[in-house]
Amino acid sequence: MTQKTSTNGTDAQTSASGPGGVSWIAWLYLVLALCGAVLPWLANLDFIQASGSAFDLGLFFQMANANPAARSLSSDLAVGATAVTIWMVRESRRLRMRGLPWVLLSCVTIAFAFGAPLFLHLRERRLQELARANGGTFPATL
């Protein structure tokens, strides 16, 4: 894989493309997004089955904070997801990306573990698009 560096020192992945001219890292983000959709929802389906064939949000939050380990994971996810969501909004505006509303909706309806890698996939594709339009380097004006 080769990298080209712009005048501002930002690396742009322009080589080592996979199917459809998309970089291997973009494909990896897409695979992670799929895993991030399937794995949490397998657990959610187990929860629904165990709690009486409905998604009881109150019980879900109660169980997510039932012990110190669960509280640790819940607060870690809440703080981390909030910070990453703020960055996703700012980064999508900076790069003039499309699809942010779908990404944010997927974070709350499917799983953050799906939405964040999906955003990274779309971001990587946008960076490749900008690099191609700018002669192979990431635009220094962004």
Protein backbone atom coordinates (compact mmCIF):
# COMPACT_ATOMS: atom_id res chain seq x y z
CA MET A 1 0.00 0.00 0.00
CA THR A 2 1.26 3.46 -0.77
CA GLN A 3 0.32 6.73 0.82
CA LYS A 4 0.53 10.19 -0.60
CA THR A 5 0.87 13.09 1.75
CA SER A 6 -0.61 16.51 1.18
CA THR A 7 1.07 19.78 1.97
CA ASN A 8 -0.57 19.80 5.40
CA GLY A 9 0.87 16.39 6.30
CA THR A 10 -2.38 14.41 6.13
CA ASP A 11 -2.06 10.93 4.67
CA ALA A 12 -4.57 9.85 2.05
CA GLN A 13 -4.97 6.20 1.20
CA THR A 14 -4.88 6.17 -2.58
CA SER A 15 -3.53 2.71 -3.37
CA ALA A 16 -4.15 -0.87 -2.37
CA SER A 17 -7.75 -0.68 -3.46
CA GLY A 18 -10.05 -3.62 -3.16
CA PRO A 19 -13.19 -4.38 -5.16
CA GLY A 20 -14.72 -1.35 -6.83
CA GLY A 21 -11.64 0.81 -6.24
CA VAL A 22 -12.43 1.06 -2.52
CA SER A 23 -9.46 0.79 -0.14
CA TRP A 24 -8.96 -2.26 2.05
CA ILE A 25 -9.53 -0.15 5.17
CA ALA A 26 -12.93 1.00 3.88
CA TRP A 27 -13.86 -2.66 3.37
CA LEU A 28 -12.64 -3.48 6.88
CA TYR A 29 -14.83 -0.71 8.31
CA LEU A 30 -17.79 -2.13 6.39
CA VAL A 31 -17.17 -5.63 7.78
CA LEU A 32 -16.92 -4.16 11.29
CA ALA A 33 -20.21 -2.31 10.71
CA LEU A 34 -21.91 -5.57 9.75
CA CYS A 35 -20.51 -7.27 12.86
CA GLY A 36 -21.61 -4.25 14.86
CA ALA A 37 -25.16 -4.72 13.60
CA VAL A 38 -25.39 -8.48 14.04
CA LEU A 39 -23.66 -9.08 17.38
CA PRO A 40 -25.54 -6.50 19.50
CA TRP A 41 -28.84 -7.52 17.95
CA LEU A 42 -28.25 -11.18 18.74
CA ALA A 43 -27.90 -10.08 22.37
CA ASN A 44 -30.96 -7.81 22.03
CA LEU A 45 -33.02 -10.70 20.69
CA ASP A 46 -31.93 -12.83 23.65
CA PHE A 47 -32.97 -9.97 25.95
CA ILE A 48 -36.35 -9.65 24.23
CA GLN A 49 -36.96 -13.38 24.51
CA ALA A 50 -35.93 -13.44 28.18
CA SER A 51 -38.01 -10.39 29.10
CA GLY A 52 -41.33 -11.51 27.64
CA SER A 53 -41.26 -10.95 23.86
CA ALA A 54 -40.97 -7.16 24.03
CA PHE A 55 -38.12 -4.71 24.33
CA ASP A 56 -38.57 -3.24 27.80
CA LEU A 57 -36.34 -0.17 27.71
CA GLY A 58 -36.61 0.44 31.46
CA LEU A 59 -35.55 -3.12 32.25
CA PHE A 60 -32.77 -2.87 29.68
CA PHE A 61 -31.26 0.20 31.39
CA GLN A 62 -31.81 -1.35 34.80
CA MET A 63 -29.87 -4.45 33.74
CA ALA A 64 -27.22 -2.34 32.01
CA ASN A 65 -26.52 -0.76 35.41
CA ALA A 66 -27.17 -3.80 37.61
CA ASN A 67 -23.60 -4.23 38.85
CA PRO A 68 -20.26 -2.38 38.74
CA ALA A 69 -19.07 -4.19 35.60
CA ALA A 70 -22.27 -3.40 33.71
CA ARG A 71 -22.19 0.23 34.94
CA SER A 72 -18.58 0.52 33.80
CA LEU A 73 -19.40 -0.69 30.29
CA SER A 74 -22.55 1.45 30.08
CA SER A 75 -20.83 4.66 31.15
CA ASP A 76 -17.83 3.90 28.95
CA LEU A 77 -20.12 3.46 25.93
CA ALA A 78 -22.17 6.56 26.75
CA VAL A 79 -19.17 8.88 27.09
CA GLY A 80 -17.23 7.36 24.18
CA ALA A 81 -20.23 7.32 21.85
CA THR A 82 -21.06 10.93 22.71
CA ALA A 83 -17.52 12.09 21.92
CA VAL A 84 -17.37 10.09 18.68
CA THR A 85 -20.81 11.33 17.60
CA ILE A 86 -19.72 14.96 18.06
CA TRP A 87 -16.61 14.21 15.99
CA MET A 88 -18.69 12.46 13.29
CA VAL A 89 -20.93 15.52 12.90
CA ARG A 90 -17.98 17.92 12.72
CA GLU A 91 -15.97 15.67 10.39
CA SER A 92 -18.90 15.12 8.03
CA ARG A 93 -19.37 18.87 7.74
CA ARG A 94 -15.65 19.45 7.22
CA LEU A 95 -15.51 16.86 4.43
CA ARG A 96 -18.97 17.72 3.08
CA MET A 97 -20.00 14.08 3.40
CA ARG A 98 -23.37 12.68 2.45
CA GLY A 99 -25.35 10.22 4.57
CA LEU A 100 -24.78 11.57 8.10
CA PRO A 101 -28.49 11.52 9.03
CA TRP A 102 -28.63 7.81 8.12
CA VAL A 103 -25.50 7.12 10.15
CA LEU A 104 -26.87 8.92 13.22
CA LEU A 105 -30.23 7.18 12.88
CA SER A 106 -28.50 3.80 12.62
CA CYS A 107 -26.52 4.57 15.80
CA VAL A 108 -29.74 4.76 17.83
CA THR A 109 -31.92 2.24 15.97
CA ILE A 110 -29.44 -0.52 15.14
CA ALA A 111 -26.34 -0.03 17.30
CA PHE A 112 -23.56 2.47 17.81
CA ALA A 113 -21.26 -0.45 16.96
CA PHE A 114 -22.85 -0.37 13.50
CA GLY A 115 -23.11 3.39 12.98
CA ALA A 116 -19.55 4.34 13.92
CA PRO A 117 -17.81 1.89 11.54
CA LEU A 118 -20.36 2.78 8.85
CA PHE A 119 -19.37 6.43 9.26
CA LEU A 120 -15.68 5.47 9.02
CA HIS A 121 -16.43 3.52 5.82
CA LEU A 122 -18.22 6.51 4.28
CA ARG A 123 -15.47 8.86 5.47
CA GLU A 124 -12.76 6.70 3.90
CA ARG A 125 -14.64 6.65 0.61
CA ARG A 126 -15.03 10.44 0.76
CA LEU A 127 -11.31 10.89 1.46
CA GLN A 128 -10.53 8.72 -1.57
CA GLU A 129 -12.93 10.76 -3.68
CA LEU A 130 -11.30 14.02 -2.55
CA ALA A 131 -7.81 12.61 -3.14
CA ARG A 132 -8.72 11.53 -6.69
CA ALA A 133 -10.19 14.97 -7.41
CA ASN A 134 -7.05 16.63 -6.04
CA GLY A 135 -4.50 14.63 -8.01
CA GLY A 136 -3.90 11.91 -5.44
CA THR A 137 -3.42 13.98 -2.30
CA PHE A 138 -5.78 14.98 0.45
CA PRO A 139 -6.91 18.58 -0.11
CA ALA A 140 -4.87 20.98 2.02
CA THR A 141 -7.79 23.41 2.20
CA LEU A 142 -9.95 21.27 4.48
